N, C-alpha and C. Protein backbone atom coordinates (compact mmCIF):
# COMPACT_ATOMS: atom_id res chain seq x y z
N MET A 1 -2.06 17.38 -15.62
CA MET A 1 -2.64 16.63 -14.52
C MET A 1 -2.35 17.40 -13.24
N THR A 2 -3.28 17.36 -12.30
CA THR A 2 -3.07 18.03 -11.03
C THR A 2 -2.77 17.01 -9.94
N LEU A 3 -2.28 17.49 -8.82
CA LEU A 3 -1.97 16.62 -7.69
C LEU A 3 -3.22 15.91 -7.20
N ARG A 4 -4.34 16.55 -7.32
CA ARG A 4 -5.61 15.95 -6.88
C ARG A 4 -6.00 14.74 -7.73
N GLU A 5 -5.55 14.68 -8.97
CA GLU A 5 -5.90 13.59 -9.89
C GLU A 5 -5.02 12.36 -9.71
N LEU A 6 -3.92 12.47 -8.97
CA LEU A 6 -3.06 11.30 -8.73
C LEU A 6 -3.78 10.29 -7.85
N GLN A 7 -3.37 9.04 -7.96
CA GLN A 7 -3.90 7.97 -7.12
C GLN A 7 -2.91 7.71 -5.99
N PRO A 8 -3.38 7.20 -4.84
CA PRO A 8 -2.46 6.91 -3.73
C PRO A 8 -1.32 5.99 -4.18
N GLY A 9 -0.11 6.37 -3.79
CA GLY A 9 1.08 5.61 -4.16
C GLY A 9 1.80 6.16 -5.38
N GLN A 10 1.15 7.01 -6.15
CA GLN A 10 1.78 7.58 -7.34
C GLN A 10 2.69 8.74 -6.97
N ILE A 11 3.69 8.95 -7.81
CA ILE A 11 4.66 10.03 -7.61
C ILE A 11 4.53 11.01 -8.77
N GLY A 12 4.60 12.29 -8.46
CA GLY A 12 4.53 13.32 -9.49
C GLY A 12 5.57 14.40 -9.23
N LYS A 13 6.02 15.02 -10.31
CA LYS A 13 6.97 16.13 -10.22
C LYS A 13 6.19 17.42 -10.46
N VAL A 14 6.32 18.38 -9.56
CA VAL A 14 5.58 19.64 -9.65
C VAL A 14 6.10 20.44 -10.84
N VAL A 15 5.18 20.81 -11.73
CA VAL A 15 5.52 21.57 -12.93
C VAL A 15 5.16 23.04 -12.75
N ALA A 16 4.00 23.30 -12.14
CA ALA A 16 3.53 24.69 -11.96
C ALA A 16 2.54 24.75 -10.81
N ILE A 17 2.40 25.94 -10.24
CA ILE A 17 1.41 26.19 -9.21
C ILE A 17 0.48 27.26 -9.75
N ASN A 18 -0.78 26.87 -9.97
CA ASN A 18 -1.77 27.78 -10.56
C ASN A 18 -2.58 28.45 -9.46
N ALA A 19 -1.94 29.35 -8.74
CA ALA A 19 -2.60 30.08 -7.66
C ALA A 19 -1.97 31.47 -7.60
N GLU A 20 -2.62 32.36 -6.86
CA GLU A 20 -2.11 33.71 -6.72
C GLU A 20 -2.19 34.19 -5.28
N GLY A 21 -1.41 35.18 -4.97
CA GLY A 21 -1.46 35.85 -3.68
C GLY A 21 -1.15 34.97 -2.49
N ALA A 22 -1.94 35.13 -1.43
CA ALA A 22 -1.71 34.41 -0.18
C ALA A 22 -1.88 32.90 -0.36
N PHE A 23 -2.75 32.51 -1.28
CA PHE A 23 -2.98 31.09 -1.54
C PHE A 23 -1.70 30.44 -2.07
N LYS A 24 -1.04 31.09 -3.03
CA LYS A 24 0.21 30.57 -3.59
C LYS A 24 1.32 30.61 -2.54
N ARG A 25 1.34 31.66 -1.75
CA ARG A 25 2.36 31.80 -0.70
C ARG A 25 2.25 30.66 0.32
N ARG A 26 1.02 30.28 0.69
CA ARG A 26 0.81 29.17 1.64
C ARG A 26 1.36 27.87 1.08
N ILE A 27 1.10 27.62 -0.20
CA ILE A 27 1.60 26.39 -0.83
C ILE A 27 3.13 26.40 -0.87
N MET A 28 3.72 27.51 -1.24
CA MET A 28 5.17 27.60 -1.32
C MET A 28 5.82 27.56 0.05
N ASP A 29 5.17 28.07 1.09
CA ASP A 29 5.70 28.00 2.45
C ASP A 29 5.79 26.56 2.95
N MET A 30 4.96 25.68 2.41
CA MET A 30 5.01 24.26 2.77
C MET A 30 6.17 23.55 2.07
N GLY A 31 6.85 24.23 1.16
CA GLY A 31 7.98 23.63 0.47
C GLY A 31 7.63 23.08 -0.90
N ILE A 32 6.42 23.33 -1.35
CA ILE A 32 6.00 22.84 -2.66
C ILE A 32 6.35 23.90 -3.69
N THR A 33 7.39 23.61 -4.47
CA THR A 33 7.85 24.52 -5.52
C THR A 33 8.03 23.71 -6.80
N THR A 34 8.24 24.38 -7.91
CA THR A 34 8.42 23.66 -9.17
C THR A 34 9.68 22.81 -9.11
N GLY A 35 9.59 21.62 -9.70
CA GLY A 35 10.72 20.70 -9.74
C GLY A 35 10.79 19.72 -8.58
N VAL A 36 9.93 19.87 -7.58
CA VAL A 36 9.94 19.01 -6.40
C VAL A 36 9.12 17.75 -6.69
N THR A 37 9.61 16.61 -6.20
CA THR A 37 8.89 15.34 -6.35
C THR A 37 7.98 15.14 -5.15
N VAL A 38 6.72 14.79 -5.43
CA VAL A 38 5.69 14.62 -4.41
C VAL A 38 5.08 13.23 -4.56
N LYS A 39 4.93 12.52 -3.45
CA LYS A 39 4.27 11.20 -3.47
C LYS A 39 2.96 11.29 -2.72
N LEU A 40 1.89 10.87 -3.36
CA LEU A 40 0.57 10.89 -2.73
C LEU A 40 0.42 9.67 -1.83
N ILE A 41 0.19 9.89 -0.55
CA ILE A 41 0.08 8.81 0.42
C ILE A 41 -1.35 8.29 0.50
N ARG A 42 -2.28 9.20 0.79
CA ARG A 42 -3.68 8.78 0.87
C ARG A 42 -4.60 9.97 0.73
N ILE A 43 -5.86 9.64 0.40
CA ILE A 43 -6.90 10.65 0.28
C ILE A 43 -7.98 10.27 1.29
N ALA A 44 -8.42 11.21 2.07
CA ALA A 44 -9.47 10.96 3.05
C ALA A 44 -10.75 10.52 2.33
N PRO A 45 -11.62 9.77 3.00
CA PRO A 45 -12.84 9.26 2.36
C PRO A 45 -13.69 10.31 1.65
N LEU A 46 -13.77 11.51 2.19
CA LEU A 46 -14.56 12.56 1.55
C LEU A 46 -13.72 13.44 0.62
N GLY A 47 -12.45 13.08 0.43
CA GLY A 47 -11.58 13.81 -0.49
C GLY A 47 -10.81 14.95 0.12
N ASP A 48 -10.97 15.19 1.40
CA ASP A 48 -10.27 16.31 2.04
C ASP A 48 -9.88 15.90 3.45
N PRO A 49 -8.66 15.83 3.88
CA PRO A 49 -7.45 16.31 3.22
C PRO A 49 -6.78 15.23 2.37
N ILE A 50 -5.78 15.67 1.65
CA ILE A 50 -4.94 14.79 0.85
C ILE A 50 -3.57 14.79 1.50
N GLU A 51 -3.04 13.61 1.81
CA GLU A 51 -1.74 13.52 2.48
C GLU A 51 -0.67 13.15 1.47
N VAL A 52 0.44 13.90 1.50
CA VAL A 52 1.55 13.68 0.58
C VAL A 52 2.87 13.64 1.36
N THR A 53 3.87 13.04 0.73
CA THR A 53 5.23 13.05 1.26
C THR A 53 6.06 13.93 0.35
N LEU A 54 6.83 14.84 0.97
CA LEU A 54 7.62 15.80 0.23
C LEU A 54 8.93 16.03 0.97
N ARG A 55 10.05 15.72 0.34
CA ARG A 55 11.37 15.92 0.95
C ARG A 55 11.48 15.28 2.34
N GLY A 56 10.85 14.11 2.51
CA GLY A 56 10.92 13.40 3.78
C GLY A 56 9.90 13.84 4.81
N TYR A 57 9.06 14.82 4.48
CA TYR A 57 8.02 15.30 5.38
C TYR A 57 6.65 14.86 4.88
N GLN A 58 5.75 14.60 5.80
CA GLN A 58 4.38 14.27 5.44
C GLN A 58 3.51 15.50 5.66
N LEU A 59 2.80 15.90 4.62
CA LEU A 59 1.95 17.10 4.66
C LEU A 59 0.51 16.75 4.36
N SER A 60 -0.40 17.55 4.87
CA SER A 60 -1.81 17.44 4.54
C SER A 60 -2.20 18.68 3.75
N LEU A 61 -2.82 18.46 2.60
CA LEU A 61 -3.27 19.55 1.75
C LEU A 61 -4.78 19.51 1.62
N ARG A 62 -5.38 20.67 1.47
CA ARG A 62 -6.80 20.74 1.15
C ARG A 62 -6.97 20.38 -0.31
N LYS A 63 -8.15 19.91 -0.68
CA LYS A 63 -8.35 19.49 -2.07
C LYS A 63 -8.27 20.66 -3.04
N ASP A 64 -8.63 21.87 -2.64
CA ASP A 64 -8.49 23.02 -3.53
C ASP A 64 -7.02 23.40 -3.73
N GLU A 65 -6.19 23.19 -2.71
CA GLU A 65 -4.75 23.41 -2.87
C GLU A 65 -4.16 22.39 -3.83
N ALA A 66 -4.54 21.13 -3.65
CA ALA A 66 -4.03 20.06 -4.52
C ALA A 66 -4.48 20.26 -5.96
N ALA A 67 -5.65 20.82 -6.16
CA ALA A 67 -6.15 21.04 -7.53
C ALA A 67 -5.39 22.15 -8.24
N SER A 68 -4.70 23.01 -7.50
CA SER A 68 -3.96 24.10 -8.13
C SER A 68 -2.50 23.76 -8.40
N ILE A 69 -2.07 22.55 -8.05
CA ILE A 69 -0.68 22.12 -8.25
C ILE A 69 -0.60 21.19 -9.46
N GLN A 70 0.07 21.63 -10.51
CA GLN A 70 0.23 20.84 -11.73
C GLN A 70 1.42 19.90 -11.57
N VAL A 71 1.22 18.61 -11.89
CA VAL A 71 2.30 17.62 -11.82
C VAL A 71 2.39 16.87 -13.15
N GLU A 72 3.53 16.21 -13.35
CA GLU A 72 3.69 15.36 -14.53
C GLU A 72 4.12 13.97 -14.11
């Protein structure tokens, strides 16, 4: 399951990041690494951006970024 497939209010643990190069670096610079717990706050009406809470911070992700983050 990917982060994009979660519903608002659900919590997921990051298992893998399926991206390469600068795209993966951007995700990891936000603090999203394997083993981190992420809570989905809300999804914008058109699906972009997706807001999550991570380690006490609220982040906005693009839907393509969220689709590359595997959670369980």
